[in-house]
Amino acid sequence: MTRKPNFFIIGAPKCGTTSWASWLAEHPQVYFSPLKEPHFFNSDVEYKARPTPKQYETLFRPATAKHQAVGEGSTSYLASRVAVPGVEAHTGGRAKYIVCLRTPVEIAPSSYAQQCADLG
């Protein structure tokens, strides 16, 4: 039986979600999706490669009973009106959240550097 995620990291881009995911994944009782941002529950936000339900389930197949926490993190869930209600329905209202926020002034330099890198 595939385990379902029971915690989610959401937050604005460039506010530490990747760091949180990395730190938590190092713990032996935590399983974190190998695809950090599947964007599965945000059907109202345009995203180029949202997994199918079967693909999403496959992300968590390696999680075992030793993993007390099973998680994923998608920054787009913060801007979505349907993501959190979808998560709640999927988990039976038992999801835990880590929400990362940062002021726009603090995000600007990092966001600019990322955009420059993306443009090559």
N, C-alpha and C. Protein backbone atom coordinates (compact mmCIF):
# COMPACT_ATOMS: atom_id res chain seq x y z
N MET A 1 0.84 -1.19 0.00
CA MET A 1 0.00 0.00 0.00
C MET A 1 0.88 1.25 0.00
N THR A 2 0.62 2.15 -0.91
CA THR A 2 1.39 3.39 -0.99
C THR A 2 0.96 4.35 0.10
N ARG A 3 1.92 4.90 0.78
CA ARG A 3 1.65 5.89 1.81
C ARG A 3 1.26 7.21 1.15
N LYS A 4 0.41 7.96 1.81
CA LYS A 4 0.04 9.30 1.34
C LYS A 4 0.86 10.32 2.12
N PRO A 5 1.13 11.46 1.49
CA PRO A 5 1.84 12.50 2.24
C PRO A 5 0.97 12.99 3.39
N ASN A 6 1.62 13.30 4.52
CA ASN A 6 0.89 13.83 5.67
C ASN A 6 1.41 15.20 6.10
N PHE A 7 2.43 15.70 5.36
CA PHE A 7 2.84 17.09 5.59
C PHE A 7 3.24 17.72 4.27
N PHE A 8 3.09 19.03 4.22
CA PHE A 8 3.32 19.79 3.00
C PHE A 8 4.07 21.07 3.32
N ILE A 9 5.07 21.36 2.51
CA ILE A 9 5.80 22.63 2.63
C ILE A 9 5.24 23.54 1.55
N ILE A 10 4.71 24.67 1.97
CA ILE A 10 4.20 25.65 1.02
C ILE A 10 4.82 27.00 1.36
N GLY A 11 4.90 27.86 0.38
CA GLY A 11 5.46 29.17 0.65
C GLY A 11 5.80 29.89 -0.63
N ALA A 12 6.17 31.12 -0.47
CA ALA A 12 6.57 31.93 -1.61
C ALA A 12 7.88 31.42 -2.17
N PRO A 13 8.09 31.57 -3.47
CA PRO A 13 9.39 31.19 -4.03
C PRO A 13 10.51 32.00 -3.36
N LYS A 14 11.66 31.38 -3.24
CA LYS A 14 12.85 32.03 -2.68
C LYS A 14 12.70 32.37 -1.19
N CYS A 15 11.99 31.51 -0.46
CA CYS A 15 11.84 31.80 0.97
C CYS A 15 12.28 30.62 1.85
N GLY A 16 12.96 29.64 1.27
CA GLY A 16 13.52 28.58 2.09
C GLY A 16 12.85 27.22 1.98
N THR A 17 11.89 27.06 1.08
CA THR A 17 11.19 25.77 0.99
C THR A 17 12.15 24.64 0.59
N THR A 18 13.09 24.91 -0.29
CA THR A 18 14.04 23.88 -0.71
C THR A 18 14.95 23.49 0.45
N SER A 19 15.37 24.46 1.23
CA SER A 19 16.21 24.15 2.41
C SER A 19 15.45 23.28 3.39
N TRP A 20 14.21 23.64 3.68
CA TRP A 20 13.39 22.83 4.59
C TRP A 20 13.24 21.41 4.07
N ALA A 21 12.97 21.27 2.78
CA ALA A 21 12.81 19.95 2.19
C ALA A 21 14.09 19.12 2.35
N SER A 22 15.22 19.72 2.09
CA SER A 22 16.50 19.02 2.21
C SER A 22 16.79 18.61 3.64
N TRP A 23 16.58 19.51 4.57
CA TRP A 23 16.85 19.21 5.98
C TRP A 23 15.96 18.07 6.48
N LEU A 24 14.69 18.17 6.17
CA LEU A 24 13.76 17.14 6.65
C LEU A 24 14.03 15.78 6.01
N ALA A 25 14.39 15.77 4.73
CA ALA A 25 14.65 14.52 4.03
C ALA A 25 15.85 13.76 4.61
N GLU A 26 16.72 14.44 5.32
CA GLU A 26 17.88 13.80 5.94
C GLU A 26 17.49 12.95 7.15
N HIS A 27 16.33 13.19 7.72
CA HIS A 27 15.92 12.45 8.93
C HIS A 27 15.44 11.05 8.53
N PRO A 28 15.87 10.02 9.26
CA PRO A 28 15.50 8.65 8.87
C PRO A 28 14.00 8.33 8.99
N GLN A 29 13.26 9.12 9.75
CA GLN A 29 11.82 8.87 9.90
C GLN A 29 10.98 9.77 9.00
N VAL A 30 11.64 10.46 8.08
CA VAL A 30 10.94 11.35 7.15
C VAL A 30 11.19 10.85 5.73
N TYR A 31 10.12 10.74 4.97
CA TYR A 31 10.24 10.47 3.54
C TYR A 31 9.74 11.71 2.81
N PHE A 32 10.57 12.23 1.92
CA PHE A 32 10.17 13.40 1.15
C PHE A 32 10.16 13.03 -0.32
N SER A 33 9.15 13.48 -1.03
CA SER A 33 9.00 13.19 -2.45
C SER A 33 10.29 13.50 -3.20
N PRO A 34 10.75 12.60 -4.08
CA PRO A 34 11.96 12.89 -4.85
C PRO A 34 11.76 14.07 -5.82
N LEU A 35 10.52 14.34 -6.17
CA LEU A 35 10.18 15.53 -6.96
C LEU A 35 9.67 16.55 -5.96
N LYS A 36 10.51 17.54 -5.62
CA LYS A 36 10.15 18.46 -4.54
C LYS A 36 8.86 19.22 -4.82
N GLU A 37 8.65 19.65 -6.03
CA GLU A 37 7.47 20.46 -6.33
C GLU A 37 6.59 19.78 -7.39
N PRO A 38 5.76 18.84 -6.99
CA PRO A 38 4.90 18.19 -7.98
C PRO A 38 3.73 19.06 -8.44
N HIS A 39 3.35 20.05 -7.66
CA HIS A 39 2.24 20.95 -8.04
C HIS A 39 0.95 20.18 -8.33
N PHE A 40 0.74 19.08 -7.64
CA PHE A 40 -0.39 18.20 -7.92
C PHE A 40 -1.75 18.81 -7.57
N PHE A 41 -1.84 19.52 -6.46
CA PHE A 41 -3.13 19.99 -5.95
C PHE A 41 -3.54 21.37 -6.44
N ASN A 42 -2.73 22.04 -7.24
CA ASN A 42 -3.02 23.42 -7.64
C ASN A 42 -3.58 23.49 -9.06
N SER A 43 -4.66 22.84 -9.32
CA SER A 43 -5.22 22.78 -10.68
C SER A 43 -5.68 24.14 -11.19
N ASP A 44 -5.80 25.13 -10.33
CA ASP A 44 -6.22 26.46 -10.76
C ASP A 44 -5.04 27.38 -11.10
N VAL A 45 -3.83 26.89 -10.94
CA VAL A 45 -2.63 27.67 -11.26
C VAL A 45 -1.94 26.97 -12.43
N GLU A 46 -1.64 27.73 -13.46
CA GLU A 46 -1.00 27.16 -14.65
C GLU A 46 0.36 26.58 -14.30
N TYR A 47 0.55 25.32 -14.65
CA TYR A 47 1.84 24.67 -14.44
C TYR A 47 2.07 23.68 -15.55
N LYS A 48 3.26 23.65 -16.10
CA LYS A 48 3.54 22.89 -17.32
C LYS A 48 3.54 21.37 -17.17
N ALA A 49 3.85 20.83 -16.03
CA ALA A 49 4.03 19.38 -15.92
C ALA A 49 3.43 18.80 -14.65
N ARG A 50 2.15 18.95 -14.48
CA ARG A 50 1.48 18.42 -13.29
C ARG A 50 1.35 16.90 -13.44
N PRO A 51 1.71 16.12 -12.42
CA PRO A 51 1.61 14.66 -12.54
C PRO A 51 0.15 14.18 -12.53
N THR A 52 -0.06 13.04 -13.14
CA THR A 52 -1.37 12.39 -13.07
C THR A 52 -1.53 11.83 -11.65
N PRO A 53 -2.73 11.45 -11.26
CA PRO A 53 -2.89 10.83 -9.93
C PRO A 53 -1.99 9.61 -9.73
N LYS A 54 -1.85 8.78 -10.75
CA LYS A 54 -1.00 7.60 -10.64
C LYS A 54 0.48 8.00 -10.49
N GLN A 55 0.92 8.99 -11.26
CA GLN A 55 2.30 9.47 -11.13
C GLN A 55 2.54 10.07 -9.75
N TYR A 56 1.55 10.79 -9.24
CA TYR A 56 1.69 11.39 -7.91
C TYR A 56 1.83 10.30 -6.85
N GLU A 57 0.99 9.30 -6.93
CA GLU A 57 1.05 8.19 -5.98
C GLU A 57 2.40 7.49 -6.03
N THR A 58 2.96 7.34 -7.21
CA THR A 58 4.26 6.69 -7.39
C THR A 58 5.37 7.41 -6.65
N LEU A 59 5.27 8.72 -6.51
CA LEU A 59 6.29 9.49 -5.78
C LEU A 59 6.46 9.01 -4.35
N PHE A 60 5.40 8.44 -3.77
CA PHE A 60 5.41 8.06 -2.35
C PHE A 60 5.51 6.56 -2.13
N ARG A 61 5.62 5.80 -3.21
CA ARG A 61 5.71 4.34 -3.10
C ARG A 61 6.87 3.87 -2.23
N PRO A 62 8.05 4.53 -2.27
CA PRO A 62 9.17 4.07 -1.43
C PRO A 62 8.98 4.31 0.07
N ALA A 63 8.02 5.12 0.48
CA ALA A 63 7.81 5.39 1.90
C ALA A 63 7.35 4.10 2.60
N THR A 64 7.91 3.86 3.78
CA THR A 64 7.58 2.65 4.53
C THR A 64 7.00 3.02 5.90
N ALA A 65 6.70 2.02 6.68
CA ALA A 65 6.14 2.23 8.02
C ALA A 65 7.11 2.98 8.93
N LYS A 66 8.41 2.90 8.65
CA LYS A 66 9.39 3.62 9.48
C LYS A 66 9.30 5.13 9.29
N HIS A 67 8.69 5.57 8.19
CA HIS A 67 8.57 7.00 7.91
C HIS A 67 7.32 7.57 8.57
N GLN A 68 7.51 8.20 9.72
CA GLN A 68 6.39 8.80 10.42
C GLN A 68 5.85 10.02 9.69
N ALA A 69 6.73 10.70 8.98
CA ALA A 69 6.33 11.88 8.22
C ALA A 69 6.62 11.62 6.75
N VAL A 70 5.62 11.85 5.92
CA VAL A 70 5.74 11.68 4.47
C VAL A 70 5.31 13.01 3.85
N GLY A 71 6.19 13.62 3.07
CA GLY A 71 5.86 14.96 2.63
C GLY A 71 6.25 15.32 1.21
N GLU A 72 5.77 16.47 0.82
CA GLU A 72 6.11 17.11 -0.44
C GLU A 72 5.98 18.60 -0.25
N GLY A 73 6.50 19.36 -1.19
CA GLY A 73 6.43 20.81 -1.08
C GLY A 73 6.30 21.46 -2.44
N SER A 74 5.29 22.29 -2.59
CA SER A 74 5.08 23.02 -3.84
C SER A 74 4.77 24.47 -3.53
N THR A 75 5.64 25.36 -3.97
CA THR A 75 5.43 26.78 -3.67
C THR A 75 4.12 27.28 -4.27
N SER A 76 3.68 26.70 -5.37
CA SER A 76 2.47 27.17 -6.03
C SER A 76 1.21 26.96 -5.19
N TYR A 77 1.26 26.09 -4.20
CA TYR A 77 0.07 25.87 -3.36
C TYR A 77 -0.33 27.14 -2.61
N LEU A 78 0.63 28.00 -2.33
CA LEU A 78 0.34 29.23 -1.60
C LEU A 78 -0.56 30.16 -2.41
N ALA A 79 -0.41 30.19 -3.72
CA ALA A 79 -1.19 31.08 -4.58
C ALA A 79 -2.49 30.44 -5.08
N SER A 80 -2.68 29.19 -4.78
CA SER A 80 -3.83 28.45 -5.28
C SER A 80 -5.03 28.54 -4.34
N ARG A 81 -6.21 28.66 -4.91
CA ARG A 81 -7.44 28.66 -4.11
C ARG A 81 -7.93 27.24 -3.84
N VAL A 82 -7.44 26.26 -4.63
CA VAL A 82 -7.95 24.90 -4.50
C VAL A 82 -6.95 23.91 -3.90
N ALA A 83 -5.67 24.29 -3.82
CA ALA A 83 -4.65 23.35 -3.35
C ALA A 83 -4.89 22.87 -1.93
N VAL A 84 -5.03 23.78 -0.98
CA VAL A 84 -5.20 23.36 0.42
C VAL A 84 -6.50 22.58 0.61
N PRO A 85 -7.64 23.02 0.05
CA PRO A 85 -8.84 22.16 0.16
C PRO A 85 -8.62 20.78 -0.47
N GLY A 86 -7.86 20.72 -1.57
CA GLY A 86 -7.56 19.43 -2.20
C GLY A 86 -6.69 18.56 -1.31
N VAL A 87 -5.70 19.16 -0.68
CA VAL A 87 -4.84 18.44 0.26
C VAL A 87 -5.68 17.91 1.42
N GLU A 88 -6.54 18.76 1.95
CA GLU A 88 -7.38 18.35 3.08
C GLU A 88 -8.27 17.18 2.71
N ALA A 89 -8.84 17.21 1.51
CA ALA A 89 -9.69 16.10 1.06
C ALA A 89 -8.86 14.83 0.88
N HIS A 90 -7.67 14.97 0.34
CA HIS A 90 -6.79 13.83 0.07
C HIS A 90 -6.30 13.16 1.35
N THR A 91 -6.10 13.96 2.39
CA THR A 91 -5.54 13.45 3.64
C THR A 91 -6.58 13.25 4.73
N GLY A 92 -7.82 13.47 4.41
CA GLY A 92 -8.86 13.33 5.42
C GLY A 92 -8.76 14.39 6.51
N GLY A 93 -8.23 15.56 6.15
CA GLY A 93 -8.12 16.66 7.11
C GLY A 93 -7.00 16.49 8.12
N ARG A 94 -6.05 15.62 7.83
CA ARG A 94 -4.97 15.34 8.79
C ARG A 94 -3.61 15.92 8.38
N ALA A 95 -3.58 16.73 7.36
CA ALA A 95 -2.31 17.27 6.88
C ALA A 95 -1.73 18.29 7.84
N LYS A 96 -0.41 18.32 7.89
CA LYS A 96 0.35 19.34 8.61
C LYS A 96 1.05 20.19 7.56
N TYR A 97 1.28 21.46 7.88
CA TYR A 97 1.87 22.39 6.93
C TYR A 97 3.05 23.11 7.53
N ILE A 98 4.06 23.30 6.71
CA ILE A 98 5.16 24.21 7.01
C ILE A 98 5.02 25.32 5.98
N VAL A 99 4.76 26.53 6.45
CA VAL A 99 4.54 27.66 5.56
C VAL A 99 5.73 28.61 5.68
N CYS A 100 6.37 28.87 4.56
CA CYS A 100 7.54 29.75 4.52
C CYS A 100 7.17 31.05 3.83
N LEU A 101 7.43 32.15 4.50
CA LEU A 101 7.13 33.47 3.95
C LEU A 101 8.35 34.37 4.09
N ARG A 102 8.39 35.38 3.27
CA ARG A 102 9.48 36.34 3.27
C ARG A 102 8.96 37.64 2.68
N THR A 103 9.47 38.78 3.13
CA THR A 103 9.00 40.05 2.58
C THR A 103 9.48 40.18 1.13
N PRO A 104 8.70 40.85 0.29
CA PRO A 104 9.10 41.02 -1.11
C PRO A 104 10.47 41.68 -1.27
N VAL A 105 10.82 42.59 -0.39
CA VAL A 105 12.11 43.27 -0.47
C VAL A 105 13.25 42.26 -0.28
N GLU A 106 13.06 41.29 0.61
CA GLU A 106 14.08 40.26 0.83
C GLU A 106 14.15 39.26 -0.33
N ILE A 107 13.04 39.02 -0.99
CA ILE A 107 12.98 38.05 -2.08
C ILE A 107 13.59 38.62 -3.36
N ALA A 108 13.48 39.92 -3.58
CA ALA A 108 13.85 40.54 -4.85
C ALA A 108 15.25 40.18 -5.35
N PRO A 109 16.32 40.32 -4.56
CA PRO A 109 17.65 39.99 -5.09
C PRO A 109 17.78 38.52 -5.52
N SER A 110 17.25 37.62 -4.70
CA SER A 110 17.33 36.20 -5.02
C SER A 110 16.49 35.85 -6.25
N SER A 111 15.31 36.45 -6.34
CA SER A 111 14.44 36.21 -7.48
C SER A 111 15.08 36.74 -8.77
N TYR A 112 15.68 37.91 -8.69
CA TYR A 112 16.35 38.51 -9.86
C TYR A 112 17.51 37.61 -10.32
N ALA A 113 18.31 37.16 -9.37
CA ALA A 113 19.45 36.30 -9.72
C ALA A 113 18.97 34.99 -10.36
N GLN A 114 17.87 34.43 -9.86
CA GLN A 114 17.32 33.21 -10.44
C GLN A 114 16.83 33.44 -11.85
N GLN A 115 16.15 34.55 -12.08
CA GLN A 115 15.65 34.86 -13.43
C GLN A 115 16.81 35.07 -14.40
N CYS A 116 17.86 35.73 -13.97
CA CYS A 116 19.04 35.92 -14.83
C CYS A 116 19.67 34.57 -15.17
N ALA A 117 19.77 33.69 -14.19
CA ALA A 117 20.34 32.36 -14.42
C ALA A 117 19.47 31.55 -15.37
N ASP A 118 18.16 31.64 -15.22
CA ASP A 118 17.23 30.91 -16.09
C ASP A 118 17.31 31.37 -17.53
N LEU A 119 17.59 32.66 -17.73
CA LEU A 119 17.69 33.20 -19.09
C LEU A 119 19.02 32.86 -19.75
N GLY A 120 19.97 32.41 -18.94
CA GLY A 120 21.24 31.94 -19.47
C GLY A 120 22.21 33.00 -19.73
